[in-house]
Every structure is written in structure tokens, then in C-alpha cells.
Amino acid sequence: MKLYWAPQSRSSQALRILEEAGAEYERVTVDIRAGGQDDPAFRAINPMGKVPVLEDEGVIVAESAAICAHVADRFPQAGLAPPPGDPMRGAYFRWLFFGPSCIEPAIVQKVTGLDIDKATAGWGSYALVLDTLEEALSSVGPWILGETYSAADVVIGSGLNFGMMFELIEPRAAFSAYVERFRARPAIQRATKIELQAGA
């Protein structure tokens, strides 16, 4: 496996899921500050010119949540996804894609001050996203699917960690406790160390 990534970017999720899975992988740094994403060789891999991108035996997977889903299914022994047919599979997919489809656009809406009718916004509103997530984390726990940690936690944990670090998400008690548990995981700590060393 080969991960095209950049430190301190959305690549964090991909790095974290690979560490959680115990995967053997090669990291290829794309210097996005120097325009590396516009290199024709990289554009041939991902025409969007975005990181992360995972190359797995000739299969190219782009988009962080898609990479998380791919890695979780590729390494079933890591237990990062309910298997097909499991009743938790629906909730797993819901939360796996809640990050890019709800948390991220809600943060963008808050930061930019865009006035978007919640009836037409796929995420509803910033407040609705946070309330929904808070209720879910308060009613199940310690993870988004209950007792079982999954790739969905990599996505949700990464989103909350980023949002709270930059004061874009209110530090509600349920969020703070969840992020503390997330940061304490050995794989997350390994990924953080890799990122810090690469960004130094």
C-alpha cells in the first residue's frame, strides 16, 4: 500500500486508519505548499490534485472517508468495520460519512457566515449537526457505535479533534470526553507522532 499524503492536512484520517489497521504501507509526501499537488504525475493519480490518496495493488482510492472504508474492509482482522450483514452496518456507514457530509460543511458554514436555508443544506445547520452528534455520543459510548471502536470513529474523532483544536466546534462535555479517549489510542498517538515529525 502507498499513501500519498501531506502533514497537517486531511491526510490525517488516512494515516490514522492505516495505523489502526496495523497495515504495512509506504508514505509518499506531496508538498502541497510548494504546489506538489499540481505535478502531472500526481494529477494522473488524482485529477482533483488532493491528498490523501491510497494506492492498493493498483486500486486508487481518494477521499478520506472512502480510504477509511477501504482500509477497514481490507483488514477485517482489525475489527474496524461491522461485516456485511451485521445489523450495525447501517449505523456504521451513517457515521462514517457524517464527517464529510455534515461536520465539515457545517464548520465551513460557521466560518464563512454563509446564510443557507437549512431545508436545502444537506447537513441542516451547524447547531443541528452538533446537537445530533452530542446526542449520539451521550447515548451510546464510549464510541460512536457503542462499545466497538470503528473506522467511523477515525472520521468522527478526527473531525471533532480538528474542530475543537481550532475552536470551530463548541467544546461540549460529550465531545471533550470522546476526543480525549480518541487521542489516547496508541494508533492515534503513533499517527500524531508521524505527522509531527514529518511537519517539523
N, C-alpha and C. Protein backbone atom coordinates (compact mmCIF):
# COMPACT_ATOMS: atom_id res chain seq x y z
N MET A 1 0.85 -1.19 0.00
CA MET A 1 0.00 0.00 0.00
C MET A 1 0.88 1.24 0.00
N LYS A 2 0.41 2.25 -0.69
CA LYS A 2 1.14 3.51 -0.78
C LYS A 2 0.17 4.64 -0.47
N LEU A 3 0.53 5.48 0.50
CA LEU A 3 -0.30 6.62 0.88
C LEU A 3 0.35 7.91 0.40
N TYR A 4 -0.33 8.61 -0.48
CA TYR A 4 0.10 9.94 -0.89
C TYR A 4 -0.55 10.90 0.10
N TRP A 5 0.26 11.68 0.79
CA TRP A 5 -0.26 12.47 1.90
C TRP A 5 0.52 13.76 2.08
N ALA A 6 0.04 14.60 2.97
CA ALA A 6 0.74 15.81 3.39
C ALA A 6 0.47 15.99 4.87
N PRO A 7 1.49 16.32 5.65
CA PRO A 7 1.28 16.54 7.08
C PRO A 7 0.32 17.70 7.33
N GLN A 8 -0.38 17.64 8.45
CA GLN A 8 -1.33 18.68 8.85
C GLN A 8 -2.33 19.00 7.73
N SER A 9 -2.94 17.95 7.24
CA SER A 9 -3.96 18.10 6.20
C SER A 9 -5.03 17.04 6.44
N ARG A 10 -5.94 16.92 5.51
CA ARG A 10 -6.97 15.88 5.65
C ARG A 10 -6.38 14.48 5.54
N SER A 11 -5.12 14.41 5.25
CA SER A 11 -4.44 13.11 5.21
C SER A 11 -4.40 12.45 6.58
N SER A 12 -4.62 13.23 7.63
CA SER A 12 -4.55 12.69 9.00
C SER A 12 -5.45 11.47 9.16
N GLN A 13 -6.66 11.55 8.62
CA GLN A 13 -7.59 10.42 8.76
C GLN A 13 -7.03 9.15 8.12
N ALA A 14 -6.47 9.29 6.94
CA ALA A 14 -5.92 8.13 6.24
C ALA A 14 -4.74 7.54 7.00
N LEU A 15 -3.89 8.40 7.51
CA LEU A 15 -2.75 7.95 8.31
C LEU A 15 -3.24 7.21 9.55
N ARG A 16 -4.25 7.75 10.20
CA ARG A 16 -4.78 7.14 11.42
C ARG A 16 -5.41 5.78 11.16
N ILE A 17 -6.19 5.65 10.08
CA ILE A 17 -6.84 4.36 9.82
C ILE A 17 -5.80 3.30 9.46
N LEU A 18 -4.76 3.68 8.74
CA LEU A 18 -3.71 2.71 8.41
C LEU A 18 -2.98 2.24 9.66
N GLU A 19 -2.75 3.16 10.59
CA GLU A 19 -2.11 2.79 11.85
C GLU A 19 -3.04 1.91 12.68
N GLU A 20 -4.32 2.25 12.70
CA GLU A 20 -5.29 1.44 13.46
C GLU A 20 -5.38 0.02 12.89
N ALA A 21 -5.27 -0.10 11.58
CA ALA A 21 -5.38 -1.41 10.93
C ALA A 21 -4.12 -2.24 11.06
N GLY A 22 -3.02 -1.59 11.45
CA GLY A 22 -1.75 -2.30 11.51
C GLY A 22 -1.22 -2.62 10.13
N ALA A 23 -1.57 -1.79 9.16
CA ALA A 23 -1.17 -2.03 7.76
C ALA A 23 0.29 -1.69 7.53
N GLU A 24 0.90 -2.41 6.60
CA GLU A 24 2.22 -2.04 6.12
C GLU A 24 2.00 -1.13 4.92
N TYR A 25 2.57 0.05 4.97
CA TYR A 25 2.34 1.00 3.89
C TYR A 25 3.53 1.93 3.75
N GLU A 26 3.64 2.48 2.56
CA GLU A 26 4.68 3.46 2.25
C GLU A 26 4.03 4.84 2.21
N ARG A 27 4.69 5.81 2.80
CA ARG A 27 4.19 7.19 2.75
C ARG A 27 4.95 7.97 1.67
N VAL A 28 4.19 8.62 0.81
CA VAL A 28 4.77 9.49 -0.22
C VAL A 28 4.26 10.89 0.06
N THR A 29 5.15 11.78 0.47
CA THR A 29 4.74 13.13 0.83
C THR A 29 4.54 13.97 -0.42
N VAL A 30 3.39 14.61 -0.49
CA VAL A 30 3.08 15.56 -1.57
C VAL A 30 3.18 16.95 -0.94
N ASP A 31 4.14 17.73 -1.40
CA ASP A 31 4.37 19.06 -0.81
C ASP A 31 3.33 20.03 -1.36
N ILE A 32 2.20 20.11 -0.66
CA ILE A 32 1.10 20.94 -1.15
C ILE A 32 1.39 22.43 -1.02
N ARG A 33 2.33 22.80 -0.16
CA ARG A 33 2.68 24.22 -0.02
C ARG A 33 3.56 24.69 -1.18
N ALA A 34 4.24 23.73 -1.82
CA ALA A 34 5.09 24.06 -2.97
C ALA A 34 4.42 23.70 -4.29
N GLY A 35 3.13 23.34 -4.23
CA GLY A 35 2.40 23.03 -5.46
C GLY A 35 2.56 21.60 -5.95
N GLY A 36 3.03 20.71 -5.08
CA GLY A 36 3.22 19.32 -5.47
C GLY A 36 1.96 18.63 -5.96
N GLN A 37 0.81 19.14 -5.50
CA GLN A 37 -0.46 18.54 -5.93
C GLN A 37 -0.76 18.82 -7.40
N ASP A 38 -0.05 19.78 -7.98
CA ASP A 38 -0.27 20.12 -9.39
C ASP A 38 0.70 19.41 -10.33
N ASP A 39 1.59 18.61 -9.77
CA ASP A 39 2.53 17.85 -10.58
C ASP A 39 1.74 16.89 -11.48
N PRO A 40 2.03 16.87 -12.77
CA PRO A 40 1.28 16.00 -13.69
C PRO A 40 1.26 14.53 -13.26
N ALA A 41 2.35 14.06 -12.66
CA ALA A 41 2.39 12.66 -12.22
C ALA A 41 1.37 12.42 -11.11
N PHE A 42 1.23 13.40 -10.21
CA PHE A 42 0.25 13.23 -9.14
C PHE A 42 -1.17 13.42 -9.67
N ARG A 43 -1.34 14.37 -10.60
CA ARG A 43 -2.66 14.58 -11.20
C ARG A 43 -3.13 13.34 -11.97
N ALA A 44 -2.20 12.56 -12.46
CA ALA A 44 -2.57 11.32 -13.14
C ALA A 44 -3.16 10.32 -12.14
N ILE A 45 -2.74 10.42 -10.89
CA ILE A 45 -3.26 9.55 -9.83
C ILE A 45 -4.59 10.08 -9.32
N ASN A 46 -4.65 11.38 -9.06
CA ASN A 46 -5.89 12.01 -8.61
C ASN A 46 -6.08 13.32 -9.37
N PRO A 47 -6.94 13.33 -10.36
CA PRO A 47 -7.17 14.54 -11.16
C PRO A 47 -7.60 15.75 -10.33
N MET A 48 -8.16 15.51 -9.13
CA MET A 48 -8.53 16.62 -8.25
C MET A 48 -7.30 17.29 -7.64
N GLY A 49 -6.17 16.60 -7.67
CA GLY A 49 -4.96 17.17 -7.09
C GLY A 49 -5.04 17.32 -5.59
N LYS A 50 -5.73 16.41 -4.94
CA LYS A 50 -5.93 16.48 -3.49
C LYS A 50 -5.33 15.27 -2.80
N VAL A 51 -4.87 15.49 -1.58
CA VAL A 51 -4.45 14.38 -0.72
C VAL A 51 -5.50 14.22 0.37
N PRO A 52 -5.65 13.01 0.89
CA PRO A 52 -4.85 11.82 0.66
C PRO A 52 -5.36 11.00 -0.52
N VAL A 53 -4.47 10.15 -1.00
CA VAL A 53 -4.82 9.13 -1.99
C VAL A 53 -4.12 7.84 -1.56
N LEU A 54 -4.85 6.75 -1.61
CA LEU A 54 -4.28 5.45 -1.27
C LEU A 54 -4.19 4.60 -2.53
N GLU A 55 -3.03 4.02 -2.76
CA GLU A 55 -2.84 3.08 -3.86
C GLU A 55 -2.66 1.69 -3.25
N ASP A 56 -3.54 0.79 -3.62
CA ASP A 56 -3.54 -0.55 -3.04
C ASP A 56 -3.61 -1.60 -4.14
N GLU A 57 -2.47 -2.16 -4.49
CA GLU A 57 -2.39 -3.18 -5.54
C GLU A 57 -3.09 -2.74 -6.82
N GLY A 58 -2.78 -1.53 -7.25
CA GLY A 58 -3.33 -1.00 -8.48
C GLY A 58 -4.66 -0.30 -8.34
N VAL A 59 -5.29 -0.43 -7.19
CA VAL A 59 -6.57 0.25 -6.94
C VAL A 59 -6.26 1.61 -6.32
N ILE A 60 -6.85 2.66 -6.88
CA ILE A 60 -6.67 4.01 -6.36
C ILE A 60 -7.93 4.40 -5.59
N VAL A 61 -7.74 4.84 -4.35
CA VAL A 61 -8.85 5.29 -3.53
C VAL A 61 -8.54 6.70 -3.05
N ALA A 62 -9.42 7.64 -3.40
CA ALA A 62 -9.28 9.02 -2.94
C ALA A 62 -10.44 9.33 -1.99
N GLU A 63 -10.34 10.45 -1.30
CA GLU A 63 -11.31 10.91 -0.30
C GLU A 63 -11.09 10.16 1.02
N SER A 64 -10.92 10.93 2.08
CA SER A 64 -10.54 10.37 3.38
C SER A 64 -11.50 9.30 3.89
N ALA A 65 -12.79 9.58 3.87
CA ALA A 65 -13.76 8.61 4.40
C ALA A 65 -13.78 7.34 3.56
N ALA A 66 -13.60 7.49 2.24
CA ALA A 66 -13.56 6.31 1.36
C ALA A 66 -12.32 5.47 1.67
N ILE A 67 -11.21 6.13 1.95
CA ILE A 67 -10.00 5.41 2.33
C ILE A 67 -10.22 4.66 3.64
N CYS A 68 -10.88 5.31 4.59
CA CYS A 68 -11.18 4.65 5.86
C CYS A 68 -12.04 3.41 5.63
N ALA A 69 -13.06 3.52 4.79
CA ALA A 69 -13.93 2.38 4.49
C ALA A 69 -13.14 1.26 3.82
N HIS A 70 -12.29 1.63 2.86
CA HIS A 70 -11.50 0.64 2.13
C HIS A 70 -10.56 -0.11 3.06
N VAL A 71 -9.84 0.63 3.88
CA VAL A 71 -8.86 0.00 4.78
C VAL A 71 -9.56 -0.89 5.81
N ALA A 72 -10.68 -0.42 6.34
CA ALA A 72 -11.42 -1.22 7.33
C ALA A 72 -11.87 -2.55 6.73
N ASP A 73 -12.34 -2.52 5.49
CA ASP A 73 -12.78 -3.76 4.84
C ASP A 73 -11.60 -4.62 4.39
N ARG A 74 -10.50 -3.98 4.07
CA ARG A 74 -9.30 -4.69 3.60
C ARG A 74 -8.61 -5.46 4.72
N PHE A 75 -8.78 -4.96 5.96
CA PHE A 75 -8.15 -5.59 7.12
C PHE A 75 -9.22 -5.98 8.14
N PRO A 76 -10.07 -6.96 7.79
CA PRO A 76 -11.17 -7.32 8.69
C PRO A 76 -10.70 -7.79 10.07
N GLN A 77 -9.49 -8.33 10.13
CA GLN A 77 -8.97 -8.81 11.40
C GLN A 77 -8.76 -7.68 12.40
N ALA A 78 -8.69 -6.43 11.92
CA ALA A 78 -8.52 -5.28 12.82
C ALA A 78 -9.83 -4.90 13.50
N GLY A 79 -10.96 -5.42 12.99
CA GLY A 79 -12.25 -5.15 13.61
C GLY A 79 -12.70 -3.71 13.53
N LEU A 80 -12.36 -3.03 12.43
CA LEU A 80 -12.68 -1.61 12.29
C LEU A 80 -13.98 -1.35 11.55
N ALA A 81 -14.70 -2.41 11.17
CA ALA A 81 -15.99 -2.26 10.50
C ALA A 81 -16.86 -3.47 10.79
N PRO A 82 -18.15 -3.25 11.03
CA PRO A 82 -19.04 -4.40 11.14
C PRO A 82 -19.07 -5.11 9.78
N PRO A 83 -19.06 -6.43 9.75
CA PRO A 83 -19.05 -7.13 8.47
C PRO A 83 -20.38 -6.97 7.73
N PRO A 84 -20.39 -7.14 6.40
CA PRO A 84 -21.65 -7.10 5.66
C PRO A 84 -22.66 -8.04 6.28
N GLY A 85 -23.90 -7.56 6.40
CA GLY A 85 -24.95 -8.35 7.01
C GLY A 85 -25.13 -8.09 8.49
N ASP A 86 -24.14 -7.47 9.12
CA ASP A 86 -24.24 -7.13 10.54
C ASP A 86 -25.26 -6.00 10.71
N PRO A 87 -26.15 -6.08 11.71
CA PRO A 87 -27.16 -5.03 11.91
C PRO A 87 -26.56 -3.64 12.16
N MET A 88 -25.30 -3.58 12.61
CA MET A 88 -24.66 -2.29 12.88
C MET A 88 -24.08 -1.65 11.63
N ARG A 89 -24.13 -2.36 10.51
CA ARG A 89 -23.50 -1.85 9.28
C ARG A 89 -24.13 -0.52 8.84
N GLY A 90 -25.45 -0.39 8.98
CA GLY A 90 -26.12 0.86 8.59
C GLY A 90 -25.67 2.04 9.42
N ALA A 91 -25.64 1.87 10.74
CA ALA A 91 -25.18 2.94 11.63
C ALA A 91 -23.72 3.27 11.36
N TYR A 92 -22.95 2.25 11.09
CA TYR A 92 -21.52 2.44 10.77
C TYR A 92 -21.35 3.35 9.56
N PHE A 93 -22.06 3.04 8.48
CA PHE A 93 -21.94 3.87 7.28
C PHE A 93 -22.47 5.28 7.52
N ARG A 94 -23.55 5.39 8.28
CA ARG A 94 -24.08 6.72 8.58
C ARG A 94 -23.00 7.60 9.21
N TRP A 95 -22.36 7.08 10.26
CA TRP A 95 -21.38 7.90 10.98
C TRP A 95 -20.07 8.01 10.22
N LEU A 96 -19.73 7.02 9.42
CA LEU A 96 -18.51 7.08 8.62
C LEU A 96 -18.56 8.27 7.67
N PHE A 97 -19.74 8.54 7.11
CA PHE A 97 -19.87 9.63 6.16
C PHE A 97 -20.49 10.90 6.75
N PHE A 98 -20.79 10.87 8.04
CA PHE A 98 -21.32 12.06 8.71
C PHE A 98 -20.27 13.17 8.75
N GLY A 99 -19.00 12.77 8.86
CA GLY A 99 -17.92 13.76 8.90
C GLY A 99 -17.88 14.63 7.65
N PRO A 100 -17.64 14.03 6.47
CA PRO A 100 -17.55 14.85 5.27
C PRO A 100 -18.87 15.43 4.80
N SER A 101 -19.99 14.78 5.12
CA SER A 101 -21.28 15.28 4.61
C SER A 101 -21.98 16.23 5.56
N CYS A 102 -21.61 16.21 6.84
CA CYS A 102 -22.30 17.08 7.81
C CYS A 102 -21.34 17.95 8.63
N ILE A 103 -20.36 17.33 9.29
CA ILE A 103 -19.46 18.12 10.15
C ILE A 103 -18.67 19.14 9.35
N GLU A 104 -18.02 18.71 8.28
CA GLU A 104 -17.17 19.63 7.52
C GLU A 104 -17.96 20.78 6.89
N PRO A 105 -19.09 20.54 6.20
CA PRO A 105 -19.82 21.68 5.65
C PRO A 105 -20.41 22.58 6.73
N ALA A 106 -20.78 22.02 7.87
CA ALA A 106 -21.31 22.85 8.95
C ALA A 106 -20.23 23.79 9.48
N ILE A 107 -19.00 23.28 9.58
CA ILE A 107 -17.89 24.13 10.02
C ILE A 107 -17.63 25.23 8.99
N VAL A 108 -17.65 24.86 7.71
CA VAL A 108 -17.44 25.86 6.65
C VAL A 108 -18.52 26.93 6.72
N GLN A 109 -19.76 26.51 6.94
CA GLN A 109 -20.86 27.47 7.06
C GLN A 109 -20.62 28.43 8.22
N LYS A 110 -20.17 27.89 9.35
CA LYS A 110 -19.92 28.73 10.52
C LYS A 110 -18.78 29.71 10.26
N VAL A 111 -17.69 29.22 9.68
CA VAL A 111 -16.51 30.06 9.45
C VAL A 111 -16.80 31.16 8.44
N THR A 112 -17.51 30.83 7.38
CA THR A 112 -17.77 31.81 6.31
C THR A 112 -18.97 32.69 6.59
N GLY A 113 -19.84 32.25 7.51
CA GLY A 113 -21.05 33.02 7.79
C GLY A 113 -22.09 32.93 6.69
N LEU A 114 -21.97 31.92 5.84
CA LEU A 114 -22.94 31.75 4.76
C LEU A 114 -24.33 31.51 5.32
N ASP A 115 -25.29 32.21 4.78
CA ASP A 115 -26.68 32.04 5.20
C ASP A 115 -27.34 31.05 4.24
N ILE A 116 -27.44 29.81 4.68
CA ILE A 116 -28.00 28.75 3.83
C ILE A 116 -29.26 28.22 4.50
N ASP A 117 -30.33 28.15 3.74
CA ASP A 117 -31.59 27.62 4.26
C ASP A 117 -31.37 26.18 4.70
N LYS A 118 -31.67 25.88 5.97
CA LYS A 118 -31.40 24.54 6.48
C LYS A 118 -32.23 23.47 5.78
N ALA A 119 -33.30 23.88 5.12
CA ALA A 119 -34.11 22.91 4.38
C ALA A 119 -33.40 22.44 3.11
N THR A 120 -32.50 23.26 2.59
CA THR A 120 -31.79 22.90 1.36
C THR A 120 -30.35 22.44 1.62
N ALA A 121 -29.83 22.73 2.81
CA ALA A 121 -28.47 22.29 3.16
C ALA A 121 -28.52 20.82 3.57
N GLY A 122 -27.67 20.02 2.97
CA GLY A 122 -27.66 18.60 3.28
C GLY A 122 -27.37 18.28 4.73
N TRP A 123 -26.74 19.19 5.44
CA TRP A 123 -26.40 18.99 6.85
C TRP A 123 -27.40 19.66 7.78
N GLY A 124 -28.34 20.40 7.24
CA GLY A 124 -29.33 21.10 8.06
C GLY A 124 -28.79 22.42 8.55
N SER A 125 -28.06 22.40 9.65
CA SER A 125 -27.45 23.61 10.19
C SER A 125 -26.31 23.21 11.12
N TYR A 126 -25.47 24.16 11.43
CA TYR A 126 -24.35 23.93 12.35
C TYR A 126 -24.87 23.41 13.69
N ALA A 127 -25.90 24.06 14.23
CA ALA A 127 -26.45 23.66 15.53
C ALA A 127 -27.03 22.25 15.47
N LEU A 128 -27.73 21.93 14.39
CA LEU A 128 -28.33 20.61 14.26
C LEU A 128 -27.26 19.51 14.20
N VAL A 129 -26.19 19.78 13.49
CA VAL A 129 -25.09 18.81 13.39
C VAL A 129 -24.51 18.53 14.77
N LEU A 130 -24.21 19.60 15.52
CA LEU A 130 -23.60 19.42 16.84
C LEU A 130 -24.57 18.75 17.81
N ASP A 131 -25.83 19.15 17.77
CA ASP A 131 -26.82 18.54 18.66
C ASP A 131 -26.99 17.05 18.37
N THR A 132 -27.03 16.71 17.09
CA THR A 132 -27.19 15.31 16.68
C THR A 132 -26.01 14.47 17.14
N LEU A 133 -24.82 15.01 16.94
CA LEU A 133 -23.61 14.29 17.32
C LEU A 133 -23.50 14.17 18.85
N GLU A 134 -23.85 15.24 19.54
CA GLU A 134 -23.80 15.21 21.01
C GLU A 134 -24.76 14.16 21.56
N GLU A 135 -25.95 14.11 21.01
CA GLU A 135 -26.94 13.12 21.47
C GLU A 135 -26.43 11.70 21.23
N ALA A 136 -25.84 11.48 20.06
CA ALA A 136 -25.34 10.14 19.73
C ALA A 136 -24.21 9.73 20.68
N LEU A 137 -23.28 10.63 20.92
CA LEU A 137 -22.14 10.29 21.78
C LEU A 137 -22.55 10.16 23.24
N SER A 138 -23.60 10.86 23.63
CA SER A 138 -24.07 10.80 25.02
C SER A 138 -24.90 9.56 25.29
N SER A 139 -25.53 9.02 24.24
CA SER A 139 -26.46 7.91 24.44
C SER A 139 -25.85 6.53 24.22
N VAL A 140 -24.70 6.48 23.55
CA VAL A 140 -24.08 5.17 23.32
C VAL A 140 -22.77 5.08 24.09
N GLY A 141 -21.69 5.35 23.45
CA GLY A 141 -20.38 5.43 24.08
C GLY A 141 -19.83 4.09 24.53
N PRO A 142 -18.54 4.00 24.68
CA PRO A 142 -17.60 5.12 24.58
C PRO A 142 -17.31 5.56 23.15
N TRP A 143 -17.76 4.76 22.18
CA TRP A 143 -17.52 5.09 20.76
C TRP A 143 -18.84 5.33 20.05
N ILE A 144 -18.77 5.75 18.81
CA ILE A 144 -19.98 6.15 18.08
C ILE A 144 -20.93 4.97 17.84
N LEU A 145 -20.39 3.74 17.81
CA LEU A 145 -21.25 2.56 17.67
C LEU A 145 -21.47 1.86 19.00
N GLY A 146 -21.07 2.48 20.08
CA GLY A 146 -21.23 1.87 21.40
C GLY A 146 -19.90 1.39 21.94
N GLU A 147 -19.82 0.10 22.24
CA GLU A 147 -18.60 -0.45 22.84
C GLU A 147 -17.50 -0.70 21.81
N THR A 148 -17.88 -0.75 20.53
CA THR A 148 -16.91 -1.13 19.50
C THR A 148 -16.35 0.08 18.76
N TYR A 149 -15.04 0.22 18.79
CA TYR A 149 -14.35 1.26 18.03
C TYR A 149 -14.34 0.84 16.56
N SER A 150 -14.50 1.82 15.66
CA SER A 150 -14.54 1.51 14.23
C SER A 150 -13.92 2.62 13.40
N ALA A 151 -13.86 2.40 12.10
CA ALA A 151 -13.37 3.43 11.19
C ALA A 151 -14.22 4.69 11.27
N ALA A 152 -15.49 4.54 11.64
CA ALA A 152 -16.34 5.72 11.81
C ALA A 152 -15.79 6.62 12.90
N ASP A 153 -15.18 6.04 13.93
CA ASP A 153 -14.58 6.85 14.99
C ASP A 153 -13.34 7.58 14.50
N VAL A 154 -12.63 7.00 13.54
CA VAL A 154 -11.48 7.70 12.97
C VAL A 154 -11.96 8.98 12.29
N VAL A 155 -13.08 8.88 11.57
CA VAL A 155 -13.63 10.05 10.87
C VAL A 155 -14.21 11.06 11.87
N ILE A 156 -15.08 10.59 12.77
CA ILE A 156 -15.72 11.49 13.73
C ILE A 156 -14.68 12.07 14.69
N GLY A 157 -13.79 11.21 15.18
CA GLY A 157 -12.75 11.68 16.11
C GLY A 157 -11.84 12.71 15.46
N SER A 158 -11.47 12.48 14.21
CA SER A 158 -10.60 13.43 13.50
C SER A 158 -11.31 14.76 13.31
N GLY A 159 -12.59 14.71 12.95
CA GLY A 159 -13.36 15.94 12.74
C GLY A 159 -13.52 16.74 14.01
N LEU A 160 -13.87 16.07 15.10
CA LEU A 160 -14.04 16.76 16.37
C LEU A 160 -12.70 17.28 16.90
N ASN A 161 -11.67 16.47 16.77
CA ASN A 161 -10.34 16.88 17.22
C ASN A 161 -9.91 18.16 16.51
N PHE A 162 -10.05 18.19 15.19
CA PHE A 162 -9.68 19.37 14.41
C PHE A 162 -10.55 20.56 14.79
N GLY A 163 -11.86 20.34 14.82
CA GLY A 163 -12.78 21.44 15.10
C GLY A 163 -12.59 22.06 16.46
N MET A 164 -12.33 21.24 17.46
CA MET A 164 -12.14 21.77 18.81
C MET A 164 -10.76 22.41 18.97
N MET A 165 -9.77 21.86 18.29
CA MET A 165 -8.42 22.42 18.37
C MET A 165 -8.40 23.86 17.87
N PHE A 166 -9.18 24.12 16.82
CA PHE A 166 -9.20 25.46 16.23
C PHE A 166 -10.45 26.26 16.63
N GLU A 167 -11.11 25.80 17.69
CA GLU A 167 -12.27 26.49 18.27
C GLU A 167 -13.38 26.72 17.24
N LEU A 168 -13.56 25.73 16.37
CA LEU A 168 -14.62 25.79 15.36
C LEU A 168 -15.82 24.96 15.80
N ILE A 169 -15.61 24.13 16.81
CA ILE A 169 -16.67 23.31 17.39
C ILE A 169 -16.69 23.57 18.88
N GLU A 170 -17.88 23.80 19.41
CA GLU A 170 -18.03 24.06 20.84
C GLU A 170 -17.50 22.87 21.64
N PRO A 171 -16.73 23.13 22.69
CA PRO A 171 -16.18 22.03 23.49
C PRO A 171 -17.21 21.47 24.48
N ARG A 172 -18.26 20.87 23.94
CA ARG A 172 -19.28 20.27 24.81
C ARG A 172 -18.67 19.08 25.55
N ALA A 173 -19.22 18.78 26.71
CA ALA A 173 -18.65 17.73 27.57
C ALA A 173 -18.52 16.40 26.84
N ALA A 174 -19.55 16.02 26.10
CA ALA A 174 -19.52 14.73 25.38
C ALA A 174 -18.42 14.72 24.33
N PHE A 175 -18.20 15.87 23.67
CA PHE A 175 -17.16 15.97 22.65
C PHE A 175 -15.77 15.88 23.29
N SER A 176 -15.58 16.62 24.37
CA SER A 176 -14.27 16.65 25.03
C SER A 176 -13.87 15.27 25.54
N ALA A 177 -14.82 14.57 26.15
CA ALA A 177 -14.53 13.23 26.68
C ALA A 177 -14.21 12.25 25.55
N TYR A 178 -14.96 12.36 24.47
CA TYR A 178 -14.76 11.48 23.31
C TYR A 178 -13.39 11.72 22.68
N VAL A 179 -13.05 12.99 22.47
CA VAL A 179 -11.77 13.33 21.84
C VAL A 179 -10.61 12.90 22.74
N GLU A 180 -10.78 13.02 24.04
CA GLU A 180 -9.73 12.57 24.96
C GLU A 180 -9.49 11.07 24.81
N ARG A 181 -10.57 10.29 24.72
CA ARG A 181 -10.43 8.85 24.50
C ARG A 181 -9.77 8.56 23.16
N PHE A 182 -10.19 9.31 22.15
CA PHE A 182 -9.66 9.13 20.79
C PHE A 182 -8.15 9.39 20.77
N ARG A 183 -7.73 10.50 21.36
CA ARG A 183 -6.31 10.87 21.36
C ARG A 183 -5.46 9.87 22.15
N ALA A 184 -6.07 9.18 23.10
CA ALA A 184 -5.33 8.25 23.96
C ALA A 184 -5.03 6.91 23.27
N ARG A 185 -5.67 6.65 22.14
CA ARG A 185 -5.46 5.37 21.46
C ARG A 185 -4.02 5.28 20.93
N PRO A 186 -3.35 4.16 21.13
CA PRO A 186 -1.96 4.03 20.67
C PRO A 186 -1.77 4.32 19.18
N ALA A 187 -2.68 3.86 18.34
CA ALA A 187 -2.55 4.10 16.89
C ALA A 187 -2.68 5.58 16.56
N ILE A 188 -3.56 6.27 17.26
CA ILE A 188 -3.73 7.71 17.03
C ILE A 188 -2.48 8.44 17.49
N GLN A 189 -1.90 8.01 18.60
CA GLN A 189 -0.66 8.63 19.07
C GLN A 189 0.49 8.38 18.11
N ARG A 190 0.55 7.18 17.54
CA ARG A 190 1.60 6.90 16.54
C ARG A 190 1.43 7.79 15.32
N ALA A 191 0.20 7.91 14.84
CA ALA A 191 -0.06 8.74 13.66
C ALA A 191 0.28 10.21 13.94
N THR A 192 -0.06 10.67 15.13
CA THR A 192 0.25 12.06 15.51
C THR A 192 1.75 12.28 15.52
N LYS A 193 2.49 11.32 16.06
CA LYS A 193 3.96 11.43 16.10
C LYS A 193 4.54 11.47 14.69
N ILE A 194 4.03 10.62 13.81
CA ILE A 194 4.49 10.61 12.41
C ILE A 194 4.25 11.97 11.77
N GLU A 195 3.06 12.51 12.01
CA GLU A 195 2.72 13.81 11.42
C GLU A 195 3.60 14.93 11.95
N LEU A 196 3.81 14.94 13.25
CA LEU A 196 4.64 15.99 13.86
C LEU A 196 6.07 15.92 13.36
N GLN A 197 6.60 14.72 13.25
CA GLN A 197 7.98 14.56 12.75
C GLN A 197 8.09 14.97 11.28
N ALA A 198 7.07 14.65 10.50
CA ALA A 198 7.10 14.99 9.07
C ALA A 198 6.92 16.49 8.85
N GLY A 199 6.19 17.14 9.76
CA GLY A 199 5.93 18.57 9.61
C GLY A 199 6.98 19.45 10.24
N ALA A 200 7.94 18.83 10.93
CA ALA A 200 8.97 19.61 11.64
C ALA A 200 9.94 20.25 10.67
